[in-house]
Amino acid sequence: MSPSHKLCMIPGPIEFHEDVLQAMATPATSHVAPNFIPALGESIELLRKVLFTSGQPFIIAGSGTLGWDMTACNLVEAGEDVL
């Protein structure tokens, strides 16, 4: 971090490394762009290494809450009571 940056040490907003901030500042890639498929493939391979699996990880563009919502939608049948 640069000397002029004060480190935020509270719960809530978190600190990001400059490399992460720079990556987040780049334009988004469309899912139909030619460079998307290789980037997705690389992401899947890297995720397999992180998860120690040879299976097919499922990458979603959203929060953890979205992931749980998708899971619940696929496990609950119409008319079932859930809490």
C-alpha atoms as a PDB file:
ATOM      1  CA  MET A   1       0.000   0.000   0.000  1.00  0.00           C
ATOM      2  CA  SER A   2       1.157   3.509  -0.640  1.00  0.00           C
ATOM      3  CA  PRO A   3       2.403   5.529   2.362  1.00  0.00           C
ATOM      4  CA  SER A   4      -0.519   7.969   2.000  1.00  0.00           C
ATOM      5  CA  HIS A   5      -3.094   5.159   2.350  1.00  0.00           C
ATOM      6  CA  LYS A   6      -4.467   4.625   5.847  1.00  0.00           C
ATOM      7  CA  LEU A   7      -5.182   0.987   6.693  1.00  0.00           C
ATOM      8  CA  CYS A   8      -8.863   0.404   7.537  1.00  0.00           C
ATOM      9  CA  MET A   9      -9.009  -2.060  10.460  1.00  0.00           C
ATOM     10  CA  ILE A  10     -12.760  -2.205  11.135  1.00  0.00           C
ATOM     11  CA  PRO A  11     -15.214  -4.991  10.413  1.00  0.00           C
ATOM     12  CA  GLY A  12     -17.082  -4.201   7.243  1.00  0.00           C
ATOM     13  CA  PRO A  13     -15.323  -2.741   4.218  1.00  0.00           C
ATOM     14  CA  ILE A  14     -12.216  -4.790   3.582  1.00  0.00           C
ATOM     15  CA  GLU A  15      -8.831  -3.833   2.237  1.00  0.00           C
ATOM     16  CA  PHE A  16      -7.854  -4.926  -1.280  1.00  0.00           C
ATOM     17  CA  HIS A  17      -4.369  -5.267  -2.691  1.00  0.00           C
ATOM     18  CA  GLU A  18      -3.573  -2.801  -5.475  1.00  0.00           C
ATOM     19  CA  ASP A  19      -3.399  -5.673  -8.004  1.00  0.00           C
ATOM     20  CA  VAL A  20      -6.998  -6.630  -7.186  1.00  0.00           C
ATOM     21  CA  LEU A  21      -8.198  -3.040  -7.491  1.00  0.00           C
ATOM     22  CA  GLN A  22      -6.444  -2.704 -10.851  1.00  0.00           C
ATOM     23  CA  ALA A  23      -8.007  -5.958 -12.122  1.00  0.00           C
ATOM     24  CA  MET A  24     -11.447  -4.782 -10.986  1.00  0.00           C
ATOM     25  CA  ALA A  25     -10.943  -1.501 -12.874  1.00  0.00           C
ATOM     26  CA  THR A  26     -10.614  -3.232 -16.244  1.00  0.00           C
ATOM     27  CA  PRO A  27     -13.643  -3.404 -18.536  1.00  0.00           C
ATOM     28  CA  ALA A  28     -15.859  -6.463 -18.124  1.00  0.00           C
ATOM     29  CA  THR A  29     -15.666  -9.256 -20.696  1.00  0.00           C
ATOM     30  CA  SER A  30     -18.856 -10.309 -22.450  1.00  0.00           C
ATOM     31  CA  HIS A  31     -19.827 -13.972 -22.280  1.00  0.00           C
ATOM     32  CA  VAL A  32     -19.893 -13.972 -26.085  1.00  0.00           C
ATOM     33  CA  ALA A  33     -16.456 -12.359 -26.510  1.00  0.00           C
ATOM     34  CA  PRO A  34     -13.797 -14.510 -28.225  1.00  0.00           C
ATOM     35  CA  ASN A  35     -11.480 -14.314 -25.207  1.00  0.00           C
ATOM     36  CA  PHE A  36     -14.182 -15.428 -22.736  1.00  0.00           C
ATOM     37  CA  ILE A  37     -13.991 -19.184 -23.391  1.00  0.00           C
ATOM     38  CA  PRO A  38     -10.231 -19.489 -22.704  1.00  0.00           C
ATOM     39  CA  ALA A  39     -10.611 -17.314 -19.579  1.00  0.00           C
ATOM     40  CA  LEU A  40     -13.503 -19.461 -18.311  1.00  0.00           C
ATOM     41  CA  GLY A  41     -11.544 -22.646 -19.038  1.00  0.00           C
ATOM     42  CA  GLU A  42      -8.551 -21.346 -17.102  1.00  0.00           C
ATOM     43  CA  SER A  43     -10.812 -20.314 -14.206  1.00  0.00           C
ATOM     44  CA  ILE A  44     -12.335 -23.803 -14.077  1.00  0.00           C
ATOM     45  CA  GLU A  45      -8.901 -25.455 -14.094  1.00  0.00           C
ATOM     46  CA  LEU A  46      -7.640 -23.162 -11.321  1.00  0.00           C
ATOM     47  CA  LEU A  47     -10.800 -23.772  -9.283  1.00  0.00           C
ATOM     48  CA  ARG A  48     -10.259 -27.532  -9.607  1.00  0.00           C
ATOM     49  CA  LYS A  49      -6.812 -27.057  -8.073  1.00  0.00           C
ATOM     50  CA  VAL A  50      -8.194 -24.951  -5.212  1.00  0.00           C
ATOM     51  CA  LEU A  51     -10.958 -27.492  -4.506  1.00  0.00           C
ATOM     52  CA  PHE A  52      -8.660 -30.527  -4.998  1.00  0.00           C
ATOM     53  CA  THR A  53     -11.112 -32.094  -7.444  1.00  0.00           C
ATOM     54  CA  SER A  54     -11.181 -33.470 -10.948  1.00  0.00           C
ATOM     55  CA  GLY A  55     -14.948 -32.892 -11.122  1.00  0.00           C
ATOM     56  CA  GLN A  56     -16.744 -30.069 -12.878  1.00  0.00           C
ATOM     57  CA  PRO A  57     -16.977 -26.940 -10.693  1.00  0.00           C
ATOM     58  CA  PHE A  58     -19.884 -24.623 -11.398  1.00  0.00           C
ATOM     59  CA  ILE A  59     -18.952 -20.941 -11.528  1.00  0.00           C
ATOM     60  CA  ILE A  60     -21.713 -18.399 -10.952  1.00  0.00           C
ATOM     61  CA  ALA A  61     -21.448 -14.643 -11.306  1.00  0.00           C
ATOM     62  CA  GLY A  62     -23.060 -13.610  -8.051  1.00  0.00           C
ATOM     63  CA  SER A  63     -22.924 -13.679  -4.303  1.00  0.00           C
ATOM     64  CA  GLY A  64     -22.896 -16.675  -1.988  1.00  0.00           C
ATOM     65  CA  THR A  65     -26.543 -15.934  -1.324  1.00  0.00           C
ATOM     66  CA  LEU A  66     -27.261 -16.415  -5.024  1.00  0.00           C
ATOM     67  CA  GLY A  67     -25.500 -19.787  -4.876  1.00  0.00           C
ATOM     68  CA  TRP A  68     -27.654 -20.919  -1.936  1.00  0.00           C
ATOM     69  CA  ASP A  69     -30.794 -19.638  -3.687  1.00  0.00           C
ATOM     70  CA  MET A  70     -29.914 -21.615  -6.815  1.00  0.00           C
ATOM     71  CA  THR A  71     -29.296 -24.714  -4.688  1.00  0.00           C
ATOM     72  CA  ALA A  72     -32.636 -24.375  -2.893  1.00  0.00           C
ATOM     73  CA  CYS A  73     -34.502 -23.829  -6.168  1.00  0.00           C
ATOM     74  CA  ASN A  74     -33.087 -27.096  -7.502  1.00  0.00           C
ATOM     75  CA  LEU A  75     -33.803 -29.147  -4.367  1.00  0.00           C
ATOM     76  CA  VAL A  76     -37.328 -28.024  -3.481  1.00  0.00           C
ATOM     77  CA  GLU A  77     -40.300 -29.261  -5.466  1.00  0.00           C
ATOM     78  CA  ALA A  78     -43.426 -27.159  -6.093  1.00  0.00           C
ATOM     79  CA  GLY A  79     -45.869 -27.504  -3.175  1.00  0.00           C
ATOM     80  CA  GLU A  80     -43.240 -28.599  -0.625  1.00  0.00           C
ATOM     81  CA  ASP A  81     -43.075 -26.749   2.695  1.00  0.00           C
ATOM     82  CA  VAL A  82     -39.636 -25.368   3.545  1.00  0.00           C
ATOM     83  CA  LEU A  83     -38.235 -23.160   6.232  1.00  0.00           C
END
